[in-house]
Amino acid sequence: MVPVLGWPLVGADELFEQCSTDGATALRRHAAELAKTLPPGATVQVVRRRDGREGELAWPLRVARPDVVIVPVPQGTPGAW
């Protein structure tokens, strides 16, 4: 006889809060806006986040505008996103 396993109980809200980036949707929207408005070859400073989550802004921007230079900087850097 093969044992039957039930679905694991997962707290989706808790998992999302622990593993998600606060403001990820806003970062992606901001990347789209930057892609439209930055001059050619511009440089954007992006604040490093835990686990490389600055990618929520950096990757959509990099895909839309490969000419833009993205520089990760530490928390507290003036003018960084």
Protein backbone atom coordinates (compact mmCIF):
# COMPACT_ATOMS: atom_id res chain seq x y z
CA MET A 1 0.00 0.00 0.00
CA VAL A 2 1.28 3.47 -0.93
CA PRO A 3 0.95 6.12 1.77
CA VAL A 4 -1.13 9.15 0.89
CA LEU A 5 0.21 12.50 1.92
CA GLY A 6 -2.01 15.51 2.40
CA TRP A 7 -1.21 19.00 1.20
CA PRO A 8 1.16 20.76 3.59
CA LEU A 9 -0.29 23.62 5.57
CA VAL A 10 1.42 26.79 4.45
CA GLY A 11 0.72 30.27 5.70
CA ALA A 12 0.89 32.09 2.36
CA ASP A 13 0.68 35.56 3.92
CA GLU A 14 3.51 34.83 6.32
CA LEU A 15 5.63 33.25 3.59
CA PHE A 16 5.06 36.27 1.32
CA GLU A 17 5.98 38.72 4.08
CA GLN A 18 9.15 36.82 4.96
CA CYS A 19 10.34 36.24 1.40
CA SER A 20 9.05 39.24 -0.53
CA THR A 21 10.56 42.64 -1.02
CA ASP A 22 8.62 45.47 0.49
CA GLY A 23 7.51 47.68 -2.38
CA ALA A 24 8.52 45.28 -5.18
CA THR A 25 5.61 46.35 -7.39
CA ALA A 26 6.47 50.01 -6.90
CA LEU A 27 10.11 49.28 -7.79
CA ARG A 28 9.10 47.56 -11.04
CA ARG A 29 6.81 50.47 -11.92
CA HIS A 30 9.59 52.91 -11.15
CA ALA A 31 11.93 50.95 -13.42
CA ALA A 32 9.42 51.32 -16.27
CA GLU A 33 9.18 55.07 -15.65
CA LEU A 34 12.97 55.43 -15.50
CA ALA A 35 13.29 53.50 -18.75
CA LYS A 36 11.06 56.08 -20.44
CA THR A 37 12.69 59.19 -18.98
CA LEU A 38 16.42 58.59 -18.48
CA PRO A 39 18.79 60.12 -21.03
CA PRO A 40 20.95 57.74 -23.09
CA GLY A 41 23.84 56.25 -21.13
CA ALA A 42 22.55 57.51 -17.76
CA THR A 43 23.78 56.03 -14.47
CA VAL A 44 21.32 54.94 -11.78
CA GLN A 45 22.34 54.12 -8.21
CA VAL A 46 20.28 51.31 -6.69
CA VAL A 47 20.39 50.55 -2.96
CA ARG A 48 21.47 47.00 -2.17
CA ARG A 49 18.71 45.00 -0.50
CA ARG A 50 18.73 41.72 1.32
CA ASP A 51 19.28 38.73 -0.94
CA GLY A 52 19.90 40.92 -3.98
CA ARG A 53 16.30 42.14 -4.09
CA GLU A 54 17.41 45.38 -5.73
CA GLY A 55 16.85 43.32 -8.87
CA GLU A 56 13.16 44.25 -8.65
CA LEU A 57 14.26 47.60 -10.06
CA ALA A 58 17.54 46.74 -11.76
CA TRP A 59 16.48 43.85 -14.01
CA PRO A 60 13.39 45.42 -15.60
CA LEU A 61 15.41 48.58 -16.18
CA ARG A 62 18.35 46.65 -17.62
CA VAL A 63 16.06 44.77 -20.02
CA ALA A 64 14.26 47.90 -21.17
CA ARG A 65 17.38 50.06 -21.36
CA PRO A 66 20.64 48.14 -21.82
CA ASP A 67 22.49 51.47 -22.27
CA VAL A 68 21.76 52.55 -18.67
CA VAL A 69 24.52 51.87 -16.14
CA ILE A 70 23.19 50.43 -12.87
CA VAL A 71 25.41 50.82 -9.82
CA PRO A 72 24.49 48.99 -6.58
CA VAL A 73 25.30 51.13 -3.53
CA PRO A 74 24.99 50.63 0.25
CA GLN A 75 21.95 51.70 2.28
CA GLY A 76 21.98 55.39 3.13
CA THR A 77 23.66 56.55 -0.09
CA PRO A 78 22.16 59.97 -0.99
CA GLY A 79 20.15 60.00 -4.21
CA ALA A 80 19.95 56.20 -4.57
CA TRP A 81 16.74 54.22 -5.15
